[in-house]
Amino acid sequence: MKSLLIKTALTHVIYIIITTLIFFTGYFYNDYQWERKIKNLEQKVEIVELKSEIVNTVIVKEYIDVPVEVVKEKTRNIIKNVYIPIEVDRQCEIPNDVVKLHNELIIRD
């Protein structure tokens, strides 16, 4: 009976050890895979940064080499006189405050 208990206990200990070894093997393998992916992505980022620096210097050189042109334009005011019939003018009701404001602005100019 005692040897049966020892065998059973020993079997359980072996199962626990094997399970623990399998768990840690998977854990470290997964960690290794992630570290590889991180290093791979860091290398890709470095390559892209180097390429972007090259492109930025090319763009800056092209921008500096472009001559500056000054463009001057003349503006002109177009004023048109429009005839408004008296009937239409009488139908339009404008508040007195708006009329006062309009008159003040005309006087200032």
Protein backbone atom coordinates (compact mmCIF):
# COMPACT_ATOMS: atom_id res chain seq x y z
CA MET A 1 0.00 0.00 0.00
CA LYS A 2 2.83 2.32 0.85
CA SER A 3 4.55 1.69 -2.47
CA LEU A 4 1.30 2.46 -4.30
CA LEU A 5 1.08 5.85 -2.54
CA ILE A 6 4.69 6.58 -3.38
CA LYS A 7 4.14 5.68 -7.06
CA THR A 8 1.01 7.83 -7.22
CA ALA A 9 2.72 10.78 -5.55
CA LEU A 10 5.77 10.36 -7.76
CA THR A 11 3.53 10.23 -10.86
CA HIS A 12 1.77 13.45 -9.82
CA VAL A 13 5.08 15.19 -9.20
CA ILE A 14 6.35 14.11 -12.63
CA TYR A 15 3.13 15.37 -14.30
CA ILE A 16 3.49 18.69 -12.50
CA ILE A 17 7.14 19.00 -13.54
CA ILE A 18 6.37 18.11 -17.19
CA THR A 19 3.42 20.53 -17.28
CA THR A 20 5.54 23.29 -15.78
CA LEU A 21 8.34 22.65 -18.28
CA ILE A 22 5.89 22.72 -21.20
CA PHE A 23 4.34 25.95 -19.90
CA PHE A 24 7.67 27.74 -19.49
CA THR A 25 8.93 26.44 -22.84
CA GLY A 26 5.86 27.96 -24.53
CA TYR A 27 6.23 31.17 -22.53
CA PHE A 28 9.88 31.67 -23.46
CA TYR A 29 9.25 30.70 -27.09
CA ASN A 30 6.43 33.25 -27.30
CA ASP A 31 8.64 35.88 -25.67
CA TYR A 32 11.41 35.09 -28.16
CA GLN A 33 8.99 35.44 -31.09
CA TRP A 34 7.80 38.84 -29.85
CA GLU A 35 11.37 40.04 -29.38
CA ARG A 36 12.15 39.00 -32.97
CA LYS A 37 9.10 40.87 -34.26
CA ILE A 38 10.07 43.97 -32.27
CA LYS A 39 13.64 43.93 -33.62
CA ASN A 40 12.31 43.42 -37.16
CA LEU A 41 9.94 46.37 -36.84
CA GLU A 42 12.65 48.56 -35.30
CA GLN A 43 14.89 47.83 -38.28
CA LYS A 44 12.07 48.72 -40.66
CA VAL A 45 11.45 51.98 -38.79
CA GLU A 46 15.14 52.89 -39.01
CA ILE A 47 15.14 52.24 -42.75
CA VAL A 48 12.02 54.38 -43.24
CA GLU A 49 13.49 57.19 -41.13
CA LEU A 50 16.67 57.18 -43.21
CA LYS A 51 14.64 57.28 -46.42
CA SER A 52 12.50 60.12 -45.10
CA GLU A 53 15.59 62.14 -44.19
CA ILE A 54 16.90 61.70 -47.73
CA VAL A 55 13.56 62.75 -49.22
CA ASN A 56 13.29 65.73 -46.86
CA THR A 57 16.73 67.00 -47.84
CA VAL A 58 15.86 66.63 -51.52
CA ILE A 59 12.61 68.54 -51.04
CA VAL A 60 14.36 71.30 -49.12
CA LYS A 61 17.02 71.62 -51.81
CA GLU A 62 14.38 71.86 -54.52
CA TYR A 63 12.44 74.40 -52.51
CA ILE A 64 15.46 76.61 -51.95
CA ASP A 65 16.47 76.50 -55.62
CA VAL A 66 13.08 77.81 -56.81
CA PRO A 67 13.25 81.55 -57.64
CA VAL A 68 10.83 83.88 -55.92
CA GLU A 69 8.39 85.80 -58.07
CA VAL A 70 6.51 88.87 -56.93
CA VAL A 71 3.13 89.30 -58.52
CA LYS A 72 1.32 92.63 -58.37
CA GLU A 73 -2.23 93.03 -59.52
CA LYS A 74 -4.35 96.06 -60.06
CA THR A 75 -7.77 96.04 -58.60
CA ARG A 76 -10.68 98.00 -59.99
CA ASN A 77 -14.11 98.72 -58.69
CA ILE A 78 -17.04 98.03 -60.90
CA ILE A 79 -20.04 100.20 -60.16
CA LYS A 80 -23.30 99.58 -61.94
CA ASN A 81 -26.37 101.72 -61.75
CA VAL A 82 -29.53 99.72 -61.57
CA TYR A 83 -32.95 101.20 -62.13
CA ILE A 84 -35.51 100.20 -59.49
CA PRO A 85 -39.12 101.09 -60.25
CA ILE A 86 -40.88 103.28 -57.68
CA GLU A 87 -43.54 100.63 -56.99
CA VAL A 88 -40.91 98.07 -56.01
CA ASP A 89 -39.10 100.62 -53.89
CA ARG A 90 -42.29 101.49 -52.00
CA GLN A 91 -43.03 97.80 -51.24
CA CYS A 92 -39.65 97.27 -49.61
CA GLU A 93 -39.74 98.18 -45.95
CA ILE A 94 -36.35 98.74 -44.34
CA PRO A 95 -36.12 99.42 -40.59
CA ASN A 96 -35.13 102.96 -39.67
CA ASP A 97 -32.05 101.76 -37.78
CA VAL A 98 -30.68 100.16 -40.92
CA VAL A 99 -31.29 103.32 -42.90
CA LYS A 100 -29.50 105.42 -40.24
CA LEU A 101 -26.53 103.04 -40.18
CA HIS A 102 -26.33 103.08 -43.97
CA ASN A 103 -26.41 106.86 -44.07
CA GLU A 104 -23.70 107.13 -41.43
CA LEU A 105 -21.43 104.80 -43.38
CA ILE A 106 -21.92 106.78 -46.56
CA ILE A 107 -21.09 110.03 -44.77
CA ARG A 108 -17.85 108.52 -43.35
CA ASP A 109 -16.59 107.48 -46.77
